Amino acid sequence: MSKKLLMTFENALGKKVSISIDDPKDDITSEEVKTVMDDIITKNIFTSNGGDFKKADSAKIVETDVTEFEYNE
C-alpha cells in the first residue's frame, strides 16, 4: 500500500492546484500540514500557470492499494 499527502491550494486565478508528497510520516498532524501549507504560501515557494499560490484549500492522506497481475507470455 502506498500513501501520499495531497495538499490543495487556490492560486491567483482562483483555480485549485495540488502538490503530493510520497510516504508522509505516520503520525503527521493537521497542524503540521497547515504550517507547511502556510509556509509554502508565505515564502512563495511554488507557482502555477494561474499564478502564485494564495490560499490553502484542503489536505488529505490518500492510501492506494495496488494489486499487480503477472502474465506469462
N, C-alpha and C. Protein backbone atom coordinates (compact mmCIF):
# COMPACT_ATOMS: atom_id res chain seq x y z
N MET A 1 0.84 -1.17 0.00
CA MET A 1 0.00 0.00 0.00
C MET A 1 0.89 1.24 0.00
N SER A 2 0.54 2.20 -0.84
CA SER A 2 1.30 3.44 -0.86
C SER A 2 0.44 4.55 -0.26
N LYS A 3 1.14 5.55 0.27
CA LYS A 3 0.47 6.65 0.96
C LYS A 3 1.02 7.96 0.41
N LYS A 4 0.13 8.94 0.22
CA LYS A 4 0.54 10.27 -0.23
C LYS A 4 -0.21 11.32 0.57
N LEU A 5 0.47 12.42 0.83
CA LEU A 5 -0.17 13.60 1.40
C LEU A 5 -0.50 14.50 0.22
N LEU A 6 -1.76 14.81 0.03
CA LEU A 6 -2.21 15.66 -1.06
C LEU A 6 -2.64 17.00 -0.49
N MET A 7 -1.91 18.05 -0.86
CA MET A 7 -2.20 19.40 -0.38
C MET A 7 -2.75 20.21 -1.56
N THR A 8 -3.90 20.83 -1.36
CA THR A 8 -4.55 21.59 -2.42
C THR A 8 -4.60 23.07 -2.04
N PHE A 9 -4.22 23.90 -3.00
CA PHE A 9 -4.15 25.35 -2.82
C PHE A 9 -5.03 26.04 -3.85
N GLU A 10 -5.34 27.29 -3.59
CA GLU A 10 -6.01 28.14 -4.57
C GLU A 10 -4.95 29.12 -5.09
N ASN A 11 -4.87 29.27 -6.42
CA ASN A 11 -3.87 30.18 -6.98
C ASN A 11 -4.48 31.56 -7.23
N ALA A 12 -3.69 32.44 -7.82
CA ALA A 12 -4.11 33.84 -8.03
C ALA A 12 -5.35 33.95 -8.90
N LEU A 13 -5.58 32.97 -9.77
CA LEU A 13 -6.78 33.00 -10.62
C LEU A 13 -7.98 32.30 -9.98
N GLY A 14 -7.80 31.82 -8.75
CA GLY A 14 -8.89 31.14 -8.05
C GLY A 14 -9.03 29.67 -8.41
N LYS A 15 -8.07 29.13 -9.14
CA LYS A 15 -8.11 27.72 -9.52
C LYS A 15 -7.39 26.88 -8.48
N LYS A 16 -7.78 25.63 -8.36
CA LYS A 16 -7.16 24.73 -7.40
C LYS A 16 -5.95 24.04 -8.02
N VAL A 17 -4.88 23.98 -7.22
CA VAL A 17 -3.63 23.35 -7.62
C VAL A 17 -3.20 22.43 -6.48
N SER A 18 -2.76 21.22 -6.82
CA SER A 18 -2.37 20.25 -5.78
C SER A 18 -0.91 19.86 -5.88
N ILE A 19 -0.36 19.58 -4.71
CA ILE A 19 1.00 19.04 -4.57
C ILE A 19 0.88 17.77 -3.76
N SER A 20 1.58 16.72 -4.20
CA SER A 20 1.55 15.48 -3.41
C SER A 20 2.95 15.14 -2.91
N ILE A 21 2.98 14.60 -1.70
CA ILE A 21 4.22 14.18 -1.06
C ILE A 21 4.09 12.68 -0.79
N ASP A 22 5.02 11.90 -1.34
CA ASP A 22 5.00 10.45 -1.13
C ASP A 22 5.43 10.11 0.29
N ASP A 23 4.81 9.07 0.83
CA ASP A 23 5.17 8.48 2.12
C ASP A 23 5.31 9.48 3.27
N PRO A 24 4.25 10.23 3.57
CA PRO A 24 4.33 11.12 4.73
C PRO A 24 4.47 10.31 6.00
N LYS A 25 5.03 10.91 7.03
CA LYS A 25 5.21 10.18 8.29
C LYS A 25 3.85 9.77 8.84
N ASP A 26 3.82 8.64 9.52
CA ASP A 26 2.57 8.07 10.00
C ASP A 26 1.85 8.94 11.03
N ASP A 27 2.59 9.69 11.82
CA ASP A 27 1.96 10.47 12.89
C ASP A 27 1.83 11.96 12.57
N ILE A 28 1.80 12.29 11.28
CA ILE A 28 1.68 13.70 10.89
C ILE A 28 0.33 14.24 11.37
N THR A 29 0.34 15.49 11.81
CA THR A 29 -0.88 16.10 12.34
C THR A 29 -1.40 17.16 11.36
N SER A 30 -2.66 17.50 11.53
CA SER A 30 -3.25 18.54 10.68
C SER A 30 -2.57 19.89 10.92
N GLU A 31 -2.12 20.13 12.15
CA GLU A 31 -1.42 21.38 12.45
C GLU A 31 -0.09 21.46 11.70
N GLU A 32 0.63 20.35 11.64
CA GLU A 32 1.90 20.33 10.90
C GLU A 32 1.67 20.58 9.41
N VAL A 33 0.65 19.96 8.87
CA VAL A 33 0.34 20.14 7.45
C VAL A 33 -0.06 21.59 7.19
N LYS A 34 -0.88 22.16 8.05
CA LYS A 34 -1.31 23.56 7.89
C LYS A 34 -0.11 24.50 7.95
N THR A 35 0.83 24.23 8.85
CA THR A 35 2.04 25.05 8.95
C THR A 35 2.85 25.00 7.66
N VAL A 36 3.01 23.80 7.12
CA VAL A 36 3.76 23.65 5.87
C VAL A 36 3.05 24.38 4.74
N MET A 37 1.75 24.22 4.65
CA MET A 37 1.00 24.89 3.59
C MET A 37 1.10 26.41 3.71
N ASP A 38 1.01 26.92 4.93
CA ASP A 38 1.17 28.36 5.15
C ASP A 38 2.56 28.84 4.75
N ASP A 39 3.58 28.04 5.08
CA ASP A 39 4.97 28.38 4.69
C ASP A 39 5.12 28.41 3.17
N ILE A 40 4.52 27.45 2.49
CA ILE A 40 4.60 27.41 1.02
C ILE A 40 4.02 28.70 0.44
N ILE A 41 2.90 29.15 0.99
CA ILE A 41 2.26 30.38 0.51
C ILE A 41 3.09 31.61 0.88
N THR A 42 3.48 31.73 2.14
CA THR A 42 4.21 32.90 2.64
C THR A 42 5.55 33.07 1.93
N LYS A 43 6.26 31.98 1.74
CA LYS A 43 7.59 32.05 1.12
C LYS A 43 7.53 31.97 -0.40
N ASN A 44 6.31 31.86 -0.95
CA ASN A 44 6.11 31.84 -2.39
C ASN A 44 7.00 30.78 -3.06
N ILE A 45 6.98 29.58 -2.51
CA ILE A 45 7.86 28.51 -2.95
C ILE A 45 7.48 27.99 -4.33
N PHE A 46 6.18 27.87 -4.60
CA PHE A 46 5.71 27.34 -5.89
C PHE A 46 4.83 28.36 -6.59
N THR A 47 4.73 28.20 -7.89
CA THR A 47 3.79 28.97 -8.68
C THR A 47 3.12 28.00 -9.65
N SER A 48 2.09 28.46 -10.31
CA SER A 48 1.38 27.61 -11.27
C SER A 48 1.06 28.44 -12.51
N ASN A 49 0.45 27.81 -13.49
CA ASN A 49 0.04 28.54 -14.69
C ASN A 49 -0.93 29.67 -14.35
N GLY A 50 -1.65 29.52 -13.26
CA GLY A 50 -2.61 30.53 -12.83
C GLY A 50 -2.04 31.50 -11.82
N GLY A 51 -0.73 31.50 -11.65
CA GLY A 51 -0.09 32.43 -10.72
C GLY A 51 0.31 31.79 -9.41
N ASP A 52 0.73 32.63 -8.49
CA ASP A 52 1.21 32.17 -7.19
C ASP A 52 0.09 31.53 -6.37
N PHE A 53 0.48 30.67 -5.45
CA PHE A 53 -0.47 30.07 -4.52
C PHE A 53 -0.89 31.15 -3.53
N LYS A 54 -2.19 31.32 -3.33
CA LYS A 54 -2.71 32.39 -2.48
C LYS A 54 -3.40 31.90 -1.22
N LYS A 55 -3.94 30.67 -1.24
CA LYS A 55 -4.73 30.21 -0.10
C LYS A 55 -4.65 28.70 0.00
N ALA A 56 -4.55 28.20 1.24
CA ALA A 56 -4.62 26.75 1.48
C ALA A 56 -6.08 26.34 1.38
N ASP A 57 -6.37 25.32 0.59
CA ASP A 57 -7.74 24.88 0.39
C ASP A 57 -8.07 23.65 1.22
N SER A 58 -7.25 22.60 1.07
CA SER A 58 -7.51 21.35 1.80
C SER A 58 -6.26 20.47 1.78
N ALA A 59 -6.30 19.45 2.61
CA ALA A 59 -5.21 18.47 2.64
C ALA A 59 -5.80 17.13 3.05
N LYS A 60 -5.22 16.06 2.52
CA LYS A 60 -5.69 14.72 2.87
C LYS A 60 -4.60 13.70 2.62
N ILE A 61 -4.71 12.60 3.34
CA ILE A 61 -3.83 11.45 3.11
C ILE A 61 -4.59 10.49 2.19
N VAL A 62 -3.94 10.10 1.11
CA VAL A 62 -4.54 9.16 0.16
C VAL A 62 -3.74 7.86 0.22
N GLU A 63 -4.43 6.77 0.49
CA GLU A 63 -3.80 5.46 0.52
C GLU A 63 -4.28 4.66 -0.68
N THR A 64 -3.32 4.05 -1.37
CA THR A 64 -3.65 3.27 -2.56
C THR A 64 -3.14 1.86 -2.38
N ASP A 65 -4.02 0.93 -2.60
CA ASP A 65 -3.67 -0.49 -2.54
C ASP A 65 -3.64 -1.01 -3.97
N VAL A 66 -2.48 -1.46 -4.41
CA VAL A 66 -2.32 -1.89 -5.79
C VAL A 66 -2.10 -3.39 -5.84
N THR A 67 -2.83 -4.03 -6.70
CA THR A 67 -2.64 -5.46 -6.96
C THR A 67 -2.17 -5.61 -8.40
N GLU A 68 -0.98 -6.15 -8.55
CA GLU A 68 -0.44 -6.35 -9.89
C GLU A 68 -0.66 -7.78 -10.32
N PHE A 69 -0.97 -7.94 -11.58
CA PHE A 69 -1.14 -9.26 -12.16
C PHE A 69 0.02 -9.52 -13.11
N GLU A 70 0.57 -10.71 -13.01
CA GLU A 70 1.65 -11.07 -13.93
C GLU A 70 1.10 -11.99 -15.00
N TYR A 71 1.51 -11.73 -16.21
CA TYR A 71 1.08 -12.54 -17.33
C TYR A 71 2.29 -13.21 -17.94
N ASN A 72 2.17 -14.47 -18.17
CA ASN A 72 3.24 -15.22 -18.84
C ASN A 72 3.02 -15.14 -20.33
N GLU A 73 4.02 -14.72 -21.02
CA GLU A 73 3.89 -14.59 -22.47
C GLU A 73 4.47 -15.78 -23.16
